[in-house]
Amino acid sequence: MAIEMIPVVSSNVGEVGYDVDSQALHVRYLNNRTYVYADVPEAVFQELLSAPSKGSFLNRVVKGNYSYSEI
């Protein structure tokens, strides 16, 4: 099943999505690279959606705190 990607307004992030079952955060950047961050709580995804700056939130909260892979 494909993850529903939600377009966001950001200078470097194009879309984000979340898989509740696997707690996987999907982030498609404007350079068309997509990363999946593992074991991200759903609350963090909800905070990302409401963050005024998606890129700043990812840098501050997600990157460096969750393992990731590029798909």
C-alpha atoms as a PDB file:
ATOM      1  CA  MET A   1       0.000   0.000   0.000  1.00  0.00           C
ATOM      2  CA  ALA A   2       1.347   3.379  -1.000  1.00  0.00           C
ATOM      3  CA  ILE A   3       1.776   6.057   1.618  1.00  0.00           C
ATOM      4  CA  GLU A   4      -0.460   9.094   1.153  1.00  0.00           C
ATOM      5  CA  MET A   5       1.838  12.054   0.596  1.00  0.00           C
ATOM      6  CA  ILE A   6       0.630  15.470   1.721  1.00  0.00           C
ATOM      7  CA  PRO A   7       1.948  18.533  -0.142  1.00  0.00           C
ATOM      8  CA  VAL A   8       3.423  21.145   2.201  1.00  0.00           C
ATOM      9  CA  VAL A   9       4.520  24.742   1.804  1.00  0.00           C
ATOM     10  CA  SER A  10       8.266  24.811   2.343  1.00  0.00           C
ATOM     11  CA  SER A  11      11.422  26.099   0.710  1.00  0.00           C
ATOM     12  CA  ASN A  12      12.965  22.605   0.667  1.00  0.00           C
ATOM     13  CA  VAL A  13      10.238  20.025   1.454  1.00  0.00           C
ATOM     14  CA  GLY A  14       7.653  19.057  -1.152  1.00  0.00           C
ATOM     15  CA  GLU A  15       5.548  16.379   0.507  1.00  0.00           C
ATOM     16  CA  VAL A  16       5.357  14.386   3.727  1.00  0.00           C
ATOM     17  CA  GLY A  17       3.566  11.173   4.615  1.00  0.00           C
ATOM     18  CA  TYR A  18       3.270   8.830   7.549  1.00  0.00           C
ATOM     19  CA  ASP A  19       2.672   5.104   7.969  1.00  0.00           C
ATOM     20  CA  VAL A  20       0.978   4.567  11.339  1.00  0.00           C
ATOM     21  CA  ASP A  21       1.616   0.808  11.363  1.00  0.00           C
ATOM     22  CA  SER A  22       5.379   1.038  10.880  1.00  0.00           C
ATOM     23  CA  GLN A  23       5.829   4.546  12.372  1.00  0.00           C
ATOM     24  CA  ALA A  24       7.655   5.567   9.200  1.00  0.00           C
ATOM     25  CA  LEU A  25       7.871   9.237   8.266  1.00  0.00           C
ATOM     26  CA  HIS A  26       8.261   9.790   4.517  1.00  0.00           C
ATOM     27  CA  VAL A  27       9.725  13.103   3.354  1.00  0.00           C
ATOM     28  CA  ARG A  28      10.036  14.040  -0.316  1.00  0.00           C
ATOM     29  CA  TYR A  29      12.296  17.040  -0.727  1.00  0.00           C
ATOM     30  CA  LEU A  30      12.036  19.510  -3.597  1.00  0.00           C
ATOM     31  CA  ASN A  31      15.132  17.920  -5.159  1.00  0.00           C
ATOM     32  CA  ASN A  32      12.919  14.800  -5.640  1.00  0.00           C
ATOM     33  CA  ARG A  33      14.859  12.735  -3.112  1.00  0.00           C
ATOM     34  CA  THR A  34      12.666  10.810  -0.689  1.00  0.00           C
ATOM     35  CA  TYR A  35      13.779   9.694   2.743  1.00  0.00           C
ATOM     36  CA  VAL A  36      12.020   7.419   5.197  1.00  0.00           C
ATOM     37  CA  TYR A  37      12.707   8.047   8.882  1.00  0.00           C
ATOM     38  CA  ALA A  38      12.083   5.019  11.126  1.00  0.00           C
ATOM     39  CA  ASP A  39      10.277   4.708  14.460  1.00  0.00           C
ATOM     40  CA  VAL A  40       8.922   8.260  14.424  1.00  0.00           C
ATOM     41  CA  PRO A  41       5.971   8.694  16.830  1.00  0.00           C
ATOM     42  CA  GLU A  42       2.745   9.867  15.220  1.00  0.00           C
ATOM     43  CA  ALA A  43       2.780  12.930  17.501  1.00  0.00           C
ATOM     44  CA  VAL A  44       6.025  14.061  15.830  1.00  0.00           C
ATOM     45  CA  PHE A  45       4.371  13.764  12.405  1.00  0.00           C
ATOM     46  CA  GLN A  46       1.422  15.844  13.623  1.00  0.00           C
ATOM     47  CA  GLU A  47       3.826  18.470  14.988  1.00  0.00           C
ATOM     48  CA  LEU A  48       5.602  18.531  11.612  1.00  0.00           C
ATOM     49  CA  LEU A  49       2.316  19.185   9.822  1.00  0.00           C
ATOM     50  CA  SER A  50       1.552  22.140  12.078  1.00  0.00           C
ATOM     51  CA  ALA A  51       5.101  23.537  12.221  1.00  0.00           C
ATOM     52  CA  PRO A  52       5.464  26.977  10.627  1.00  0.00           C
ATOM     53  CA  SER A  53       8.753  25.862   9.026  1.00  0.00           C
ATOM     54  CA  LYS A  54       8.822  22.229   7.898  1.00  0.00           C
ATOM     55  CA  GLY A  55      12.548  22.300   7.105  1.00  0.00           C
ATOM     56  CA  SER A  56      13.495  23.802  10.462  1.00  0.00           C
ATOM     57  CA  PHE A  57      11.341  21.268  12.282  1.00  0.00           C
ATOM     58  CA  LEU A  58      12.941  18.378  10.392  1.00  0.00           C
ATOM     59  CA  ASN A  59      16.423  19.710  11.133  1.00  0.00           C
ATOM     60  CA  ARG A  60      15.683  20.304  14.802  1.00  0.00           C
ATOM     61  CA  VAL A  61      13.524  17.291  15.710  1.00  0.00           C
ATOM     62  CA  VAL A  62      13.881  14.528  13.126  1.00  0.00           C
ATOM     63  CA  LYS A  63      17.336  14.577  11.554  1.00  0.00           C
ATOM     64  CA  GLY A  64      19.933  13.053  13.828  1.00  0.00           C
ATOM     65  CA  ASN A  65      17.291  11.553  16.125  1.00  0.00           C
ATOM     66  CA  TYR A  66      15.791   8.869  13.867  1.00  0.00           C
ATOM     67  CA  SER A  67      17.475   6.431  11.524  1.00  0.00           C
ATOM     68  CA  TYR A  68      16.634   6.897   7.860  1.00  0.00           C
ATOM     69  CA  SER A  69      17.065   5.483   4.393  1.00  0.00           C
ATOM     70  CA  GLU A  70      16.655   6.983   0.952  1.00  0.00           C
ATOM     71  CA  ILE A  71      14.110   5.375  -1.341  1.00  0.00           C
END
